[in-house]
Amino acid sequence: MAEGAMTATFLAVIGGASLLAVTARRLRPVDRLPSLEGWALADRSLGPGWTWLLLGGTIFTAYTFTAVPGLAYGNGAPAFFAVPYTVIVCPLAFVLLSRLWSVARRHGYVTAADFVRGRYGSPPLALVVALTGILATMPYLALQLIGIRAVLTAGGVHPRGVAGDLVLVALFAGLAVATYRHGLRAPTVISALKAVAVFVSLTAVTWLVLERFGGPGPVFDGAAARLGDPALLLSPAQQPAYATLALGSALALLMYPHVLTAGFAADGPRTLRKVSVALPAWTGLLALFGFLGFAALAAGVRAPRGGAEAAVPMLVDRLMPAPLAGLVFAAIAVGALVPAAVMSIAAATSFVRNVYVEYVQPTATPKRQVRIAKAVSITAKAGAVAFVFGLRDQDAINLQLLGGVWILQIFPAVAVGLFTGRLHPRALLAGWAVGMVSGTYLVVREGFSSIVPLGTGAGPLEIYAGLAALLLNLAVAMAGTAALTRLGVPRGADSTDLPPRLTVRRRPETGANNP
């Protein structure tokens, strides 16, 4: 009976998400011709409320809500790097997203590679930016499916074998249809349900935990008894890794195509600045999920070996009545649908704009571009499903770790390029190549660990591999720029109207009603 009530609640929430996706057509202007900007960016028309829901729902994925408490359950304090990392993202988004939106709106850019193409006049550099984004996004998309499966299996909602696989396929099939028809508007309306379901369910779980243990103190005491006191605090040797991982992850996050796609859909830079100020509400949510990892330890939950991400779902199953547990599991499932949809849209848009139109069919009409983007978005979701069923979960996790290192290597071309065009495109290409090779080597050498030791002796410094690769990238880009400038090698024309020096001019606000 209990399992039936849990399943009924889960299906009700998922059904509600499907119904909301159908209503996405109401957000589409009826007098607009088909365009990639309309399908992929909702005509850049989302106000502060919708942008906050979409951007927060895109950044905070289902796997994030399981991986962070799983890391807290298994490793203690280092798991909380995700909290300062998502806090650092907010001021970065305040500055970078609003400025990038202004340039993109003025010139009709849809992707970050569009901006790079205009800023440096270099098709090869734009191509590597687009391909790096697609390459980093695909394993991230697969992880959403893995997150759903891990949570539902731990909660007993996911049937084993073929039946369970069919459930996952059905979830993604409904998402694929809604995204195909309505583009970014589908995950936008679903993000409202995600926010309500996640905030309500997490509040209920946290209240039950605090009531059972009598406050946060006993929770941390119980976790310390299981882990040992040092595990609840960072040791001096762990602090460099913690700090560099938080900083590097924050810099990388804003380079992901799905985050930029959600940002480009806003109706103006002022909206993005408002949303950036309000994003810490989602960070508080993430901190509570990490706290539940400690609660699972204190409650004596025994997660399967190698499956620490199941600790919180097992805690929920133990503490909560079946209907409420079903709500939590459904909230996490819906939490995967929003970023998965945006990721597939972003990957498809990058392919169409920066590969198909640039190198295959430069004369493609807007209608054909939309048609190709829809087909690629379906293919991306099908590929994610095939990836999950065909390979081990750890393979997707390893590739996603590499994806974070890879996406960070486009930071100089995109983020630095917003403020100065002095870096030579050929030097940026060389820096990108050095960063990709060195970052991949460091991660693989350490057995797919993103924290790598630098130096020799008794106490080598441990830092985030992506940040180490980025520093090499920047060093090569600056040295290469100096050498190429001295040799008189010409660079491409800049068509973005941005100032060439590291200065920011004040510009009038632009928006949907004031283009």
Protein backbone atom coordinates (compact mmCIF):
# COMPACT_ATOMS: atom_id res chain seq x y z
CA MET A 1 0.00 0.00 0.00
CA ALA A 2 2.79 2.38 0.94
CA GLU A 3 4.63 1.73 -2.31
CA GLY A 4 1.42 2.32 -4.23
CA ALA A 5 0.88 5.71 -2.57
CA MET A 6 4.48 6.69 -3.26
CA THR A 7 4.19 5.70 -6.92
CA ALA A 8 0.86 7.51 -7.28
CA THR A 9 2.33 10.75 -5.92
CA PHE A 10 5.37 10.39 -8.14
CA LEU A 11 3.24 9.84 -11.26
CA ALA A 12 0.95 12.74 -10.36
CA VAL A 13 3.84 15.20 -10.21
CA ILE A 14 5.38 13.86 -13.42
CA GLY A 15 1.97 14.09 -15.08
CA GLY A 16 1.67 17.68 -13.91
CA ALA A 17 5.03 18.44 -15.51
CA SER A 18 3.81 16.95 -18.78
CA LEU A 19 0.64 19.05 -18.70
CA LEU A 20 2.65 22.18 -18.01
CA ALA A 21 4.88 21.42 -20.98
CA VAL A 22 1.80 21.33 -23.19
CA THR A 23 0.82 24.83 -22.04
CA ALA A 24 4.16 26.20 -23.22
CA ARG A 25 2.57 27.09 -26.54
CA ARG A 26 0.68 29.90 -24.74
CA LEU A 27 4.00 31.72 -24.25
CA ARG A 28 4.70 31.80 -27.98
CA PRO A 29 3.62 34.86 -29.98
CA VAL A 30 1.30 33.73 -32.77
CA ASP A 31 2.52 36.34 -35.27
CA ARG A 32 6.20 35.40 -35.20
CA LEU A 33 7.81 33.51 -38.09
CA PRO A 34 9.85 30.40 -37.16
CA SER A 35 13.38 31.32 -36.14
CA LEU A 36 16.21 29.75 -34.18
CA GLU A 37 16.10 32.68 -31.77
CA GLY A 38 12.39 32.04 -31.15
CA TRP A 39 12.76 28.28 -30.65
CA ALA A 40 16.04 28.24 -28.69
CA LEU A 41 15.76 31.52 -26.75
CA ALA A 42 11.99 32.05 -26.43
CA ASP A 43 12.43 35.27 -28.47
CA ARG A 44 14.55 36.72 -25.62
CA SER A 45 11.31 37.57 -23.84
CA LEU A 46 11.56 36.07 -20.34
CA GLY A 47 11.09 38.48 -17.45
CA PRO A 48 12.78 38.30 -14.02
CA GLY A 49 10.47 35.63 -12.57
CA TRP A 50 10.70 33.21 -15.48
CA THR A 51 14.43 33.84 -15.90
CA TRP A 52 15.08 33.13 -12.21
CA LEU A 53 13.13 29.89 -12.44
CA LEU A 54 14.79 28.78 -15.68
CA LEU A 55 18.35 29.79 -14.82
CA GLY A 56 18.17 28.32 -11.32
CA GLY A 57 16.48 25.17 -12.61
CA THR A 58 19.17 24.82 -15.27
CA ILE A 59 22.18 25.38 -13.03
CA PHE A 60 20.98 23.19 -10.14
CA THR A 61 20.49 19.78 -11.73
CA ALA A 62 19.13 16.54 -10.35
CA TYR A 63 22.62 15.07 -10.23
CA THR A 64 23.82 18.07 -8.23
CA PHE A 65 21.09 17.42 -5.68
CA THR A 66 22.26 13.82 -5.29
CA ALA A 67 26.03 14.15 -5.77
CA VAL A 68 26.57 16.88 -3.15
CA PRO A 69 24.83 15.03 -0.27
CA GLY A 70 26.46 11.81 -1.47
CA LEU A 71 29.87 13.47 -1.23
CA ALA A 72 29.00 14.81 2.23
CA TYR A 73 27.93 11.32 3.27
CA GLY A 74 31.18 9.77 2.09
CA ASN A 75 33.79 12.51 2.56
CA GLY A 76 32.44 15.13 4.93
CA ALA A 77 33.44 18.79 4.71
CA PRO A 78 34.99 18.82 1.18
CA ALA A 79 31.49 18.32 -0.24
CA PHE A 80 30.56 21.87 0.68
CA PHE A 81 32.83 23.37 -1.99
CA ALA A 82 29.59 23.48 -4.02
CA VAL A 83 28.16 26.17 -1.73
CA PRO A 84 30.88 28.84 -2.18
CA TYR A 85 31.17 27.80 -5.82
CA THR A 86 27.53 28.63 -6.51
CA VAL A 87 27.87 31.83 -4.48
CA ILE A 88 30.85 32.94 -6.61
CA VAL A 89 28.73 32.31 -9.71
CA CYS A 90 26.29 35.07 -8.74
CA PRO A 91 28.59 38.13 -9.05
CA LEU A 92 30.19 36.57 -12.12
CA ALA A 93 26.76 36.20 -13.70
CA PHE A 94 25.89 39.75 -12.67
CA VAL A 95 28.82 41.08 -14.71
CA LEU A 96 29.35 38.56 -17.52
CA LEU A 97 25.82 37.49 -18.46
CA SER A 98 24.40 41.01 -18.63
CA ARG A 99 27.29 42.27 -20.77
CA LEU A 100 27.23 39.25 -23.05
CA TRP A 101 23.45 39.57 -23.43
CA SER A 102 23.80 43.17 -24.62
CA VAL A 103 26.32 42.22 -27.31
CA ALA A 104 24.32 39.17 -28.37
CA ARG A 105 21.05 41.10 -28.64
CA ARG A 106 22.65 43.89 -30.67
CA HIS A 107 24.18 41.52 -33.22
CA GLY A 108 21.68 38.65 -33.16
CA TYR A 109 24.09 36.18 -31.55
CA VAL A 110 22.51 32.99 -30.22
CA THR A 111 25.57 31.14 -28.90
CA ALA A 112 28.88 31.99 -27.25
CA ALA A 113 30.65 30.85 -30.41
CA ASP A 114 28.68 33.48 -32.36
CA PHE A 115 30.20 36.11 -30.08
CA VAL A 116 33.71 34.66 -30.53
CA ARG A 117 33.22 34.64 -34.31
CA GLY A 118 32.29 38.32 -34.27
CA ARG A 119 34.83 39.41 -31.65
CA TYR A 120 37.90 37.84 -33.25
CA GLY A 121 36.79 37.30 -36.86
CA SER A 122 38.10 33.73 -36.59
CA PRO A 123 35.89 30.84 -37.77
CA PRO A 124 38.35 28.18 -36.44
CA LEU A 125 38.29 29.69 -32.95
CA ALA A 126 34.48 29.89 -33.02
CA LEU A 127 34.36 26.26 -34.16
CA VAL A 128 36.48 24.95 -31.27
CA VAL A 129 34.40 26.97 -28.80
CA ALA A 130 31.20 25.42 -30.19
CA LEU A 131 32.59 21.86 -30.31
CA THR A 132 34.04 22.15 -26.79
CA GLY A 133 30.63 23.21 -25.52
CA ILE A 134 28.89 20.29 -27.24
CA LEU A 135 31.54 17.83 -26.05
CA ALA A 136 31.23 19.01 -22.43
CA THR A 137 27.43 19.05 -22.52
CA MET A 138 26.74 15.49 -23.73
CA PRO A 139 28.00 13.59 -20.62
CA TYR A 140 26.31 16.25 -18.46
CA LEU A 141 23.05 15.44 -20.23
CA ALA A 142 23.56 11.73 -19.62
CA LEU A 143 24.13 12.40 -15.91
CA GLN A 144 20.60 13.76 -15.60
CA LEU A 145 19.27 10.35 -16.57
CA ILE A 146 21.71 8.64 -14.22
CA GLY A 147 20.58 10.93 -11.40
CA ILE A 148 16.93 10.02 -11.96
CA ARG A 149 17.70 6.31 -12.06
CA ALA A 150 19.89 6.36 -8.93
CA VAL A 151 17.34 8.27 -6.87
CA LEU A 152 14.33 6.26 -7.96
CA THR A 153 16.14 2.95 -7.51
CA ALA A 154 17.15 3.89 -3.96
CA GLY A 155 13.57 4.93 -3.21
CA GLY A 156 12.08 1.75 -4.66
CA VAL A 157 10.11 3.62 -7.32
CA HIS A 158 12.28 2.52 -10.24
CA PRO A 159 11.56 -1.09 -11.31
CA ARG A 160 14.59 -3.21 -12.04
CA GLY A 161 15.37 -4.55 -15.48
CA VAL A 162 13.64 -3.67 -18.72
CA ALA A 163 10.58 -2.17 -17.01
CA GLY A 164 12.69 0.42 -15.24
CA ASP A 165 14.52 1.29 -18.44
CA LEU A 166 11.18 1.80 -20.18
CA VAL A 167 10.12 4.22 -17.43
CA LEU A 168 13.21 6.34 -18.05
CA VAL A 169 12.70 6.21 -21.81
CA ALA A 170 9.08 7.34 -21.35
CA LEU A 171 10.17 10.29 -19.17
CA PHE A 172 12.68 11.44 -21.74
CA ALA A 173 10.29 10.78 -24.63
CA GLY A 174 7.71 13.15 -23.17
CA LEU A 175 10.43 15.74 -22.63
CA ALA A 176 11.69 15.27 -26.19
CA VAL A 177 8.24 15.85 -27.70
CA ALA A 178 7.62 19.01 -25.65
CA THR A 179 11.06 20.40 -26.45
CA TYR A 180 10.71 19.57 -30.15
CA ARG A 181 7.46 21.49 -30.41
CA HIS A 182 7.99 24.43 -28.08
CA GLY A 183 11.75 24.78 -27.69
CA LEU A 184 12.97 26.61 -24.60
CA ARG A 185 9.44 27.49 -23.53
CA ALA A 186 8.82 23.87 -22.48
CA PRO A 187 11.56 23.70 -19.80
CA THR A 188 10.67 27.27 -18.79
CA VAL A 189 7.17 26.35 -17.69
CA ILE A 190 8.36 23.05 -16.15
CA SER A 191 10.92 24.99 -14.11
CA ALA A 192 8.04 26.56 -12.15
CA LEU A 193 6.89 23.11 -11.02
CA LYS A 194 10.48 22.12 -10.28
CA ALA A 195 10.99 25.10 -7.98
CA VAL A 196 7.76 24.49 -6.05
CA ALA A 197 8.30 20.74 -5.75
CA VAL A 198 11.95 20.97 -4.70
CA PHE A 199 11.54 23.83 -2.23
CA VAL A 200 8.44 22.28 -0.61
CA SER A 201 9.80 18.73 -0.43
CA LEU A 202 13.22 19.79 0.87
CA THR A 203 11.65 21.97 3.55
CA ALA A 204 9.53 19.01 4.68
CA VAL A 205 12.51 16.63 4.79
CA THR A 206 14.69 19.10 6.69
CA TRP A 207 11.93 19.78 9.22
CA LEU A 208 11.47 16.03 9.83
CA VAL A 209 15.23 15.57 10.29
CA LEU A 210 15.51 18.43 12.77
CA GLU A 211 12.45 17.22 14.67
CA ARG A 212 13.80 13.70 14.93
CA PHE A 213 17.30 14.68 16.06
CA GLY A 214 16.35 17.73 18.10
CA GLY A 215 18.28 20.29 16.05
CA PRO A 216 21.33 20.54 13.82
CA GLY A 217 23.82 19.95 16.66
CA PRO A 218 22.94 16.28 17.19
CA VAL A 219 23.01 15.75 13.42
CA PHE A 220 26.60 16.94 13.16
CA ASP A 221 27.56 15.05 16.33
CA GLY A 222 26.13 11.84 14.91
CA ALA A 223 27.87 12.38 11.58
CA ALA A 224 31.16 13.10 13.35
CA ALA A 225 30.85 9.82 15.23
CA ARG A 226 30.60 7.99 11.91
CA LEU A 227 33.22 9.95 9.98
CA GLY A 228 35.56 11.16 12.70
CA ASP A 229 35.84 14.80 13.81
CA PRO A 230 38.46 15.88 11.22
CA ALA A 231 36.12 14.87 8.41
CA LEU A 232 33.69 17.63 9.40
CA LEU A 233 36.41 20.26 9.07
CA LEU A 234 38.88 21.03 6.30
CA SER A 235 42.47 20.22 7.11
CA PRO A 236 45.13 22.74 6.01
CA ALA A 237 46.20 20.34 3.25
CA GLN A 238 42.64 20.25 1.86
CA GLN A 239 42.12 24.01 1.72
CA PRO A 240 43.94 24.73 -1.60
CA ALA A 241 41.97 21.97 -3.33
CA TYR A 242 38.72 23.25 -1.82
CA ALA A 243 39.35 26.86 -2.84
CA THR A 244 40.58 26.14 -6.37
CA LEU A 245 37.77 23.68 -7.01
CA ALA A 246 35.19 26.26 -5.95
CA LEU A 247 36.74 29.03 -8.05
CA GLY A 248 37.41 26.88 -11.12
CA SER A 249 33.93 25.34 -11.05
CA ALA A 250 32.34 28.79 -10.86
CA LEU A 251 34.34 30.04 -13.85
CA ALA A 252 33.49 26.91 -15.81
CA LEU A 253 29.76 26.94 -15.07
CA LEU A 254 29.07 30.18 -16.92
CA MET A 255 30.79 28.82 -20.04
CA TYR A 256 28.40 25.86 -20.42
CA PRO A 257 26.09 26.35 -23.42
CA HIS A 258 22.95 25.49 -21.45
CA VAL A 259 23.64 28.20 -18.83
CA LEU A 260 24.32 30.81 -21.52
CA THR A 261 21.19 29.73 -23.41
CA ALA A 262 19.06 30.28 -20.31
CA GLY A 263 20.71 33.67 -19.81
CA PHE A 264 20.25 34.76 -23.43
CA ALA A 265 16.50 34.10 -23.11
CA ALA A 266 16.09 37.00 -20.65
CA ASP A 267 14.44 40.18 -21.87
CA GLY A 268 17.32 42.45 -20.91
CA PRO A 269 20.52 42.95 -18.91
CA ARG A 270 18.60 44.49 -16.02
CA THR A 271 16.61 41.27 -15.70
CA LEU A 272 19.83 39.26 -15.57
CA ARG A 273 21.26 41.48 -12.87
CA LYS A 274 18.10 41.09 -10.77
CA VAL A 275 18.18 37.33 -11.22
CA SER A 276 21.88 37.15 -10.32
CA VAL A 277 21.12 38.86 -7.02
CA ALA A 278 18.31 36.36 -6.30
CA LEU A 279 20.16 33.17 -7.32
CA PRO A 280 21.58 32.54 -3.79
CA ALA A 281 18.13 31.22 -2.84
CA TRP A 282 18.98 28.16 -4.94
CA THR A 283 22.38 27.96 -3.22
CA GLY A 284 20.61 27.75 0.15
CA LEU A 285 18.67 24.83 -1.26
CA LEU A 286 21.92 23.10 -2.22
CA ALA A 287 23.36 23.66 1.27
CA LEU A 288 20.33 21.94 2.79
CA PHE A 289 20.84 18.96 0.49
CA GLY A 290 24.43 18.74 1.72
CA PHE A 291 23.17 18.89 5.30
CA LEU A 292 20.93 15.89 4.55
CA GLY A 293 24.05 13.92 3.64
CA PHE A 294 25.23 14.39 7.23
CA ALA A 295 21.73 13.53 8.47
CA ALA A 296 21.90 10.23 6.58
CA LEU A 297 25.15 9.46 8.38
CA ALA A 298 23.66 10.37 11.76
CA ALA A 299 20.59 8.24 11.07
CA GLY A 300 22.74 5.20 10.35
CA VAL A 301 21.79 4.90 6.68
CA ARG A 302 24.01 2.36 4.93
CA ALA A 303 24.29 3.25 1.26
CA PRO A 304 25.53 0.56 -1.12
CA ARG A 305 29.26 0.45 -1.81
CA GLY A 306 30.09 2.96 -4.53
CA GLY A 307 26.57 4.41 -4.34
CA ALA A 308 26.79 7.23 -1.79
CA GLU A 309 24.37 9.32 -3.88
CA ALA A 310 21.62 6.91 -2.72
CA ALA A 311 22.07 7.93 0.94
CA VAL A 312 19.57 10.81 0.97
CA PRO A 313 16.86 8.96 -1.03
CA MET A 314 17.23 6.10 1.48
CA LEU A 315 16.92 8.62 4.34
CA VAL A 316 13.78 10.07 2.75
CA ASP A 317 12.30 6.61 2.32
CA ARG A 318 12.95 5.90 6.00
CA LEU A 319 11.69 9.17 7.51
CA MET A 320 8.79 10.31 5.37
CA PRO A 321 5.30 8.95 4.75
CA ALA A 322 4.99 7.30 1.36
CA PRO A 323 3.09 10.14 -0.39
CA LEU A 324 5.62 12.75 0.75
CA ALA A 325 8.51 10.48 -0.22
CA GLY A 326 6.97 10.17 -3.67
CA LEU A 327 6.86 13.97 -3.85
CA VAL A 328 10.58 14.21 -3.06
CA PHE A 329 11.52 11.62 -5.67
CA ALA A 330 9.29 13.29 -8.26
CA ALA A 331 10.82 16.68 -7.46
CA ILE A 332 14.30 15.31 -8.16
CA ALA A 333 13.08 13.67 -11.38
CA VAL A 334 11.51 16.91 -12.57
CA GLY A 335 14.73 18.58 -11.48
CA ALA A 336 16.51 16.56 -14.16
CA LEU A 337 14.03 17.31 -16.92
CA VAL A 338 14.61 21.08 -16.96
CA PRO A 339 18.41 21.06 -17.39
CA ALA A 340 18.23 18.07 -19.74
CA ALA A 341 15.89 19.96 -22.06
CA VAL A 342 18.00 23.13 -21.99
CA MET A 343 21.19 21.13 -22.56
CA SER A 344 19.78 19.43 -25.65
CA ILE A 345 18.54 22.78 -27.00
CA ALA A 346 21.92 24.43 -26.37
CA ALA A 347 23.87 21.61 -28.04
CA ALA A 348 21.53 21.63 -31.04
CA THR A 349 21.74 25.41 -31.39
CA SER A 350 25.54 25.38 -31.25
CA PHE A 351 25.67 22.71 -33.92
CA VAL A 352 23.29 24.50 -36.25
CA ARG A 353 24.74 28.01 -35.88
CA ASN A 354 28.43 27.23 -35.71
CA VAL A 355 28.83 23.99 -37.68
CA TYR A 356 25.90 23.49 -40.04
CA VAL A 357 25.38 27.10 -41.17
CA GLU A 358 29.08 28.01 -41.03
CA TYR A 359 30.46 25.00 -42.92
CA VAL A 360 27.64 22.95 -44.47
CA GLN A 361 24.73 25.16 -45.60
CA PRO A 362 25.46 28.89 -45.26
CA THR A 363 22.23 29.77 -47.09
CA ALA A 364 19.95 27.78 -44.80
CA THR A 365 16.69 29.63 -44.15
CA PRO A 366 15.57 30.36 -40.56
CA LYS A 367 12.85 27.73 -40.94
CA ARG A 368 15.37 25.09 -42.00
CA GLN A 369 17.71 26.02 -39.16
CA VAL A 370 14.89 25.42 -36.69
CA ARG A 371 14.06 22.10 -38.32
CA ILE A 372 17.68 20.92 -38.11
CA ALA A 373 17.97 22.12 -34.50
CA LYS A 374 14.86 20.17 -33.52
CA ALA A 375 16.25 17.02 -35.10
CA VAL A 376 19.62 17.44 -33.37
CA SER A 377 17.95 18.02 -29.99
CA ILE A 378 16.06 14.73 -30.37
CA THR A 379 19.30 13.00 -31.38
CA ALA A 380 21.10 14.42 -28.34
CA LYS A 381 18.48 13.02 -25.96
CA ALA A 382 18.50 9.64 -27.72
CA GLY A 383 22.28 9.61 -27.51
CA ALA A 384 22.15 10.30 -23.78
CA VAL A 385 19.74 7.42 -23.25
CA ALA A 386 21.92 5.07 -25.33
CA PHE A 387 25.01 6.24 -23.45
CA VAL A 388 23.47 5.49 -20.07
CA PHE A 389 22.21 2.05 -21.08
CA GLY A 390 25.37 1.12 -22.96
CA LEU A 391 28.09 2.19 -20.53
CA ARG A 392 28.75 2.12 -16.80
CA ASP A 393 27.56 5.05 -14.71
CA GLN A 394 31.18 5.74 -13.75
CA ASP A 395 32.07 6.31 -17.41
CA ALA A 396 29.54 9.16 -17.63
CA ILE A 397 30.80 10.61 -14.35
CA ASN A 398 34.41 10.47 -15.55
CA LEU A 399 33.52 12.17 -18.83
CA GLN A 400 31.58 14.86 -16.98
CA LEU A 401 34.63 15.54 -14.79
CA LEU A 402 36.65 15.96 -17.97
CA GLY A 403 33.86 18.11 -19.40
CA GLY A 404 34.27 20.62 -16.57
CA VAL A 405 37.99 20.86 -17.29
CA TRP A 406 37.38 21.19 -21.04
CA ILE A 407 34.68 23.88 -20.86
CA LEU A 408 36.94 26.03 -18.68
CA GLN A 409 39.41 26.29 -21.57
CA ILE A 410 37.07 28.54 -23.58
CA PHE A 411 37.02 31.09 -20.75
CA PRO A 412 39.79 33.27 -22.27
CA ALA A 413 38.05 33.50 -25.66
CA VAL A 414 34.58 34.21 -24.24
CA ALA A 415 34.85 35.90 -20.84
CA VAL A 416 38.17 37.71 -21.32
CA GLY A 417 37.06 38.63 -24.82
CA LEU A 418 34.13 40.56 -23.36
CA PHE A 419 36.55 43.11 -21.92
CA THR A 420 39.54 43.13 -24.25
CA GLY A 421 40.11 42.11 -27.85
CA ARG A 422 43.89 42.28 -27.60
CA LEU A 423 44.45 38.53 -27.42
CA HIS A 424 45.29 37.17 -30.86
CA PRO A 425 42.86 34.48 -32.13
CA ARG A 426 45.72 32.19 -33.15
CA ALA A 427 47.25 32.55 -29.69
CA LEU A 428 43.86 31.77 -28.15
CA LEU A 429 43.67 28.64 -30.29
CA ALA A 430 47.12 27.57 -29.12
CA GLY A 431 46.21 28.26 -25.50
CA TRP A 432 42.98 26.29 -25.87
CA ALA A 433 44.89 23.30 -27.28
CA VAL A 434 47.46 23.39 -24.47
CA GLY A 435 44.71 23.67 -21.84
CA MET A 436 42.71 20.78 -23.30
CA VAL A 437 45.71 18.45 -23.54
CA SER A 438 47.21 19.33 -20.16
CA GLY A 439 43.87 19.24 -18.34
CA THR A 440 42.96 15.87 -19.82
CA TYR A 441 46.38 14.47 -19.00
CA LEU A 442 46.24 15.63 -15.38
CA VAL A 443 42.77 14.19 -14.77
CA VAL A 444 43.44 10.84 -16.46
CA ARG A 445 46.82 10.50 -14.77
CA GLU A 446 45.15 10.73 -11.36
CA GLY A 447 42.54 8.10 -12.21
CA PHE A 448 39.84 10.59 -13.22
CA SER A 449 40.20 12.76 -10.16
CA SER A 450 39.68 16.48 -10.69
CA ILE A 451 42.07 17.25 -7.81
CA VAL A 452 45.69 16.79 -8.84
CA PRO A 453 48.99 17.17 -6.94
CA LEU A 454 51.47 19.76 -8.19
CA GLY A 455 55.07 19.76 -7.06
CA THR A 456 57.27 17.14 -5.49
CA GLY A 457 58.41 16.24 -2.03
CA ALA A 458 56.56 15.26 1.09
CA GLY A 459 53.66 17.68 0.67
CA PRO A 460 52.71 18.51 -2.96
CA LEU A 461 50.06 21.19 -3.43
CA GLU A 462 46.70 19.74 -4.48
CA ILE A 463 44.58 21.95 -6.74
CA TYR A 464 41.77 21.71 -9.27
CA ALA A 465 43.07 20.34 -12.59
CA GLY A 466 40.84 22.64 -14.65
CA LEU A 467 42.24 25.78 -13.02
CA ALA A 468 45.83 24.56 -13.52
CA ALA A 469 45.09 23.95 -17.20
CA LEU A 470 43.43 27.37 -17.49
CA LEU A 471 46.54 29.10 -16.12
CA LEU A 472 48.65 27.32 -18.74
CA ASN A 473 46.06 28.30 -21.36
CA LEU A 474 46.24 31.98 -20.42
CA ALA A 475 50.04 31.95 -20.28
CA VAL A 476 50.27 30.51 -23.80
CA ALA A 477 47.61 32.93 -25.11
CA MET A 478 49.40 35.99 -23.72
CA ALA A 479 52.86 34.85 -24.81
CA GLY A 480 51.54 33.90 -28.23
CA THR A 481 49.81 37.27 -28.61
CA ALA A 482 53.03 39.10 -27.82
CA ALA A 483 54.99 37.01 -30.34
CA LEU A 484 52.41 37.26 -33.12
CA THR A 485 52.01 41.01 -32.61
CA ARG A 486 55.76 41.50 -32.83
CA LEU A 487 55.82 39.45 -36.05
CA GLY A 488 52.98 41.55 -37.49
CA VAL A 489 50.61 38.60 -38.03
CA PRO A 490 47.19 40.10 -38.84
CA ARG A 491 44.12 39.25 -36.79
CA GLY A 492 40.48 39.07 -37.86
CA ALA A 493 38.14 42.04 -37.88
CA ASP A 494 36.16 42.77 -34.72
CA SER A 495 32.49 43.43 -35.47
CA THR A 496 31.13 43.56 -31.91
CA ASP A 497 31.60 47.30 -31.25
CA LEU A 498 33.13 46.50 -27.86
CA PRO A 499 35.98 48.75 -26.65
CA PRO A 500 39.40 47.29 -27.45
CA ARG A 501 40.88 48.02 -24.02
CA LEU A 502 40.07 46.54 -20.63
CA THR A 503 37.37 49.11 -19.90
CA VAL A 504 33.60 49.03 -19.66
CA ARG A 505 31.50 51.77 -21.21
CA ARG A 506 28.13 52.61 -19.77
CA ARG A 507 25.42 51.69 -22.25
CA PRO A 508 21.70 52.40 -22.18
CA GLU A 509 19.52 49.52 -21.05
CA THR A 510 18.06 47.42 -23.82
CA GLY A 511 15.19 45.01 -23.55
CA ALA A 512 12.30 43.45 -25.36
CA ASN A 513 10.37 46.72 -25.39
CA ASN A 514 13.39 48.97 -25.96
CA PRO A 515 15.58 47.34 -28.63
